[in-house]
């Protein structure tokens, strides 16, 4: 890290779910997943996507 101004970059696999209204970000959810996603990772992603889809569609 010498000569880089003390900055470090961290990379972690995951999925970002972003909600927008009229082009503006109104919510952001980060779903971390490891190199080999687990059942719990899958369930967290399904839950976040479900919430995002329900948020974007009016109730029937």
N, C-alpha and C. Protein backbone atom coordinates (compact mmCIF):
# COMPACT_ATOMS: atom_id res chain seq x y z
N UNK A 1 0.81 -1.20 0.00
CA UNK A 1 0.00 0.00 0.00
C UNK A 1 0.85 1.26 0.00
N UNK A 2 2.12 1.09 -0.03
CA UNK A 2 2.99 2.27 -0.04
C UNK A 2 2.76 3.08 -1.31
N UNK A 3 2.68 4.39 -1.14
CA UNK A 3 2.52 5.27 -2.29
C UNK A 3 1.09 5.39 -2.81
N UNK A 4 0.14 4.76 -2.15
CA UNK A 4 -1.24 4.84 -2.63
C UNK A 4 -2.09 5.79 -1.80
N UNK A 5 -1.45 6.58 -0.97
CA UNK A 5 -2.20 7.54 -0.15
C UNK A 5 -2.94 6.90 1.01
N UNK A 6 -2.61 5.66 1.35
CA UNK A 6 -3.26 5.00 2.47
C UNK A 6 -4.62 4.43 2.13
N UNK A 7 -4.96 4.40 0.86
CA UNK A 7 -6.27 3.88 0.45
C UNK A 7 -6.16 2.39 0.14
N UNK A 8 -7.22 1.68 0.43
CA UNK A 8 -7.29 0.27 0.11
C UNK A 8 -8.65 -0.01 -0.53
N UNK A 9 -8.67 -0.94 -1.43
CA UNK A 9 -9.93 -1.32 -2.07
C UNK A 9 -10.34 -2.69 -1.55
N UNK A 10 -11.60 -2.85 -1.29
CA UNK A 10 -12.14 -4.11 -0.82
C UNK A 10 -13.20 -4.55 -1.82
N UNK A 11 -13.11 -5.76 -2.24
CA UNK A 11 -14.08 -6.31 -3.17
C UNK A 11 -14.72 -7.53 -2.52
N UNK A 12 -16.04 -7.56 -2.50
CA UNK A 12 -16.75 -8.69 -1.92
C UNK A 12 -17.92 -9.01 -2.83
N UNK A 13 -18.07 -10.27 -3.23
CA UNK A 13 -19.17 -10.60 -4.14
C UNK A 13 -20.52 -10.35 -3.49
N UNK A 14 -21.40 -9.79 -4.28
CA UNK A 14 -22.74 -9.53 -3.79
C UNK A 14 -23.61 -8.93 -4.87
N UNK A 15 -24.82 -8.63 -4.49
CA UNK A 15 -25.81 -8.07 -5.40
C UNK A 15 -26.39 -6.83 -4.75
N UNK A 16 -26.49 -5.78 -5.52
CA UNK A 16 -27.05 -4.54 -5.04
C UNK A 16 -28.45 -4.36 -5.63
N UNK A 17 -29.44 -4.18 -4.77
CA UNK A 17 -30.81 -3.92 -5.21
C UNK A 17 -31.08 -2.44 -4.94
N UNK A 18 -31.33 -1.67 -6.00
CA UNK A 18 -31.53 -0.24 -5.89
C UNK A 18 -32.95 0.11 -6.30
N UNK A 19 -33.62 0.88 -5.47
CA UNK A 19 -34.98 1.35 -5.79
C UNK A 19 -34.90 2.81 -6.18
N UNK A 20 -35.58 3.15 -7.25
CA UNK A 20 -35.57 4.53 -7.75
C UNK A 20 -36.99 5.04 -7.92
N UNK A 21 -37.14 6.32 -7.71
CA UNK A 21 -38.37 7.03 -8.01
C UNK A 21 -38.00 8.22 -8.88
N UNK A 22 -38.55 8.24 -10.08
CA UNK A 22 -38.27 9.32 -11.03
C UNK A 22 -36.77 9.54 -11.20
N UNK A 23 -36.03 8.44 -11.28
CA UNK A 23 -34.59 8.51 -11.50
C UNK A 23 -33.74 8.72 -10.26
N UNK A 24 -34.35 9.03 -9.13
CA UNK A 24 -33.61 9.26 -7.89
C UNK A 24 -33.57 7.98 -7.05
N UNK A 25 -32.42 7.65 -6.51
CA UNK A 25 -32.30 6.49 -5.64
C UNK A 25 -33.00 6.78 -4.32
N UNK A 26 -33.95 5.92 -3.96
CA UNK A 26 -34.68 6.09 -2.71
C UNK A 26 -34.40 4.97 -1.71
N UNK A 27 -33.76 3.90 -2.18
CA UNK A 27 -33.41 2.81 -1.27
C UNK A 27 -32.31 1.98 -1.92
N UNK A 28 -31.45 1.43 -1.10
CA UNK A 28 -30.35 0.62 -1.59
C UNK A 28 -30.14 -0.52 -0.61
N UNK A 29 -30.17 -1.76 -1.12
CA UNK A 29 -29.95 -2.92 -0.27
C UNK A 29 -28.80 -3.73 -0.85
N UNK A 30 -27.83 -4.04 -0.04
CA UNK A 30 -26.69 -4.85 -0.46
C UNK A 30 -26.88 -6.26 0.08
N UNK A 31 -26.86 -7.23 -0.81
CA UNK A 31 -26.99 -8.62 -0.41
C UNK A 31 -25.63 -9.29 -0.64
N UNK A 32 -24.86 -9.51 0.44
CA UNK A 32 -23.57 -10.15 0.26
C UNK A 32 -23.75 -11.64 -0.04
N UNK A 33 -22.97 -12.14 -0.95
CA UNK A 33 -22.94 -13.58 -1.23
C UNK A 33 -21.49 -14.00 -1.33
N UNK A 34 -21.17 -15.14 -0.83
CA UNK A 34 -19.81 -15.61 -0.86
C UNK A 34 -19.45 -16.20 -2.22
N UNK A 35 -18.25 -16.73 -2.29
CA UNK A 35 -17.80 -17.37 -3.53
C UNK A 35 -18.71 -18.53 -3.91
N UNK A 36 -19.23 -19.22 -2.91
CA UNK A 36 -20.17 -20.32 -3.12
C UNK A 36 -21.43 -19.99 -2.32
N UNK A 37 -22.40 -19.31 -2.95
CA UNK A 37 -23.60 -18.88 -2.23
C UNK A 37 -24.30 -20.04 -1.52
N UNK A 38 -24.80 -19.73 -0.34
CA UNK A 38 -25.51 -20.72 0.47
C UNK A 38 -27.01 -20.58 0.26
N UNK A 39 -27.75 -21.49 0.84
CA UNK A 39 -29.20 -21.40 0.83
C UNK A 39 -29.65 -20.09 1.48
N UNK A 40 -29.00 -19.71 2.57
CA UNK A 40 -29.35 -18.45 3.25
C UNK A 40 -29.10 -17.25 2.35
N UNK A 41 -28.01 -17.28 1.56
CA UNK A 41 -27.75 -16.20 0.60
C UNK A 41 -28.88 -16.12 -0.42
N UNK A 42 -29.29 -17.28 -0.94
CA UNK A 42 -30.38 -17.32 -1.91
C UNK A 42 -31.67 -16.75 -1.32
N UNK A 43 -31.97 -17.15 -0.09
CA UNK A 43 -33.20 -16.67 0.55
C UNK A 43 -33.16 -15.17 0.78
N UNK A 44 -32.01 -14.63 1.17
CA UNK A 44 -31.88 -13.18 1.38
C UNK A 44 -32.10 -12.44 0.07
N UNK A 45 -31.56 -12.95 -1.03
CA UNK A 45 -31.75 -12.32 -2.33
C UNK A 45 -33.21 -12.39 -2.75
N UNK A 46 -33.85 -13.52 -2.61
CA UNK A 46 -35.26 -13.66 -2.96
C UNK A 46 -36.11 -12.69 -2.16
N UNK A 47 -35.84 -12.55 -0.88
CA UNK A 47 -36.59 -11.63 -0.02
C UNK A 47 -36.42 -10.19 -0.48
N UNK A 48 -35.19 -9.78 -0.80
CA UNK A 48 -34.93 -8.41 -1.25
C UNK A 48 -35.59 -8.14 -2.59
N UNK A 49 -35.50 -9.08 -3.52
CA UNK A 49 -36.14 -8.90 -4.83
C UNK A 49 -37.65 -8.84 -4.71
N UNK A 50 -38.21 -9.68 -3.87
CA UNK A 50 -39.65 -9.68 -3.66
C UNK A 50 -40.12 -8.33 -3.12
N UNK A 51 -39.40 -7.81 -2.14
CA UNK A 51 -39.75 -6.50 -1.56
C UNK A 51 -39.64 -5.41 -2.62
N UNK A 52 -38.60 -5.46 -3.45
CA UNK A 52 -38.42 -4.45 -4.49
C UNK A 52 -39.54 -4.52 -5.52
N UNK A 53 -39.90 -5.72 -5.94
CA UNK A 53 -40.97 -5.86 -6.93
C UNK A 53 -42.31 -5.43 -6.36
N UNK A 54 -42.58 -5.76 -5.10
CA UNK A 54 -43.85 -5.32 -4.47
C UNK A 54 -43.88 -3.81 -4.36
N UNK A 55 -42.73 -3.19 -4.10
CA UNK A 55 -42.66 -1.74 -3.95
C UNK A 55 -42.92 -1.03 -5.25
N UNK A 56 -42.56 -1.64 -6.38
CA UNK A 56 -42.69 -0.97 -7.67
C UNK A 56 -44.04 -1.18 -8.32
N UNK A 57 -44.84 -2.08 -7.82
CA UNK A 57 -46.13 -2.38 -8.40
C UNK A 57 -47.26 -2.05 -7.42
N UNK A 58 -48.31 -1.40 -7.91
CA UNK A 58 -49.44 -1.13 -7.02
C UNK A 58 -50.16 -2.43 -6.67
N UNK A 59 -50.81 -2.42 -5.52
CA UNK A 59 -51.58 -3.60 -5.10
C UNK A 59 -52.71 -3.85 -6.06
N UNK A 60 -52.98 -5.10 -6.31
CA UNK A 60 -54.06 -5.47 -7.24
C UNK A 60 -55.42 -5.34 -6.60
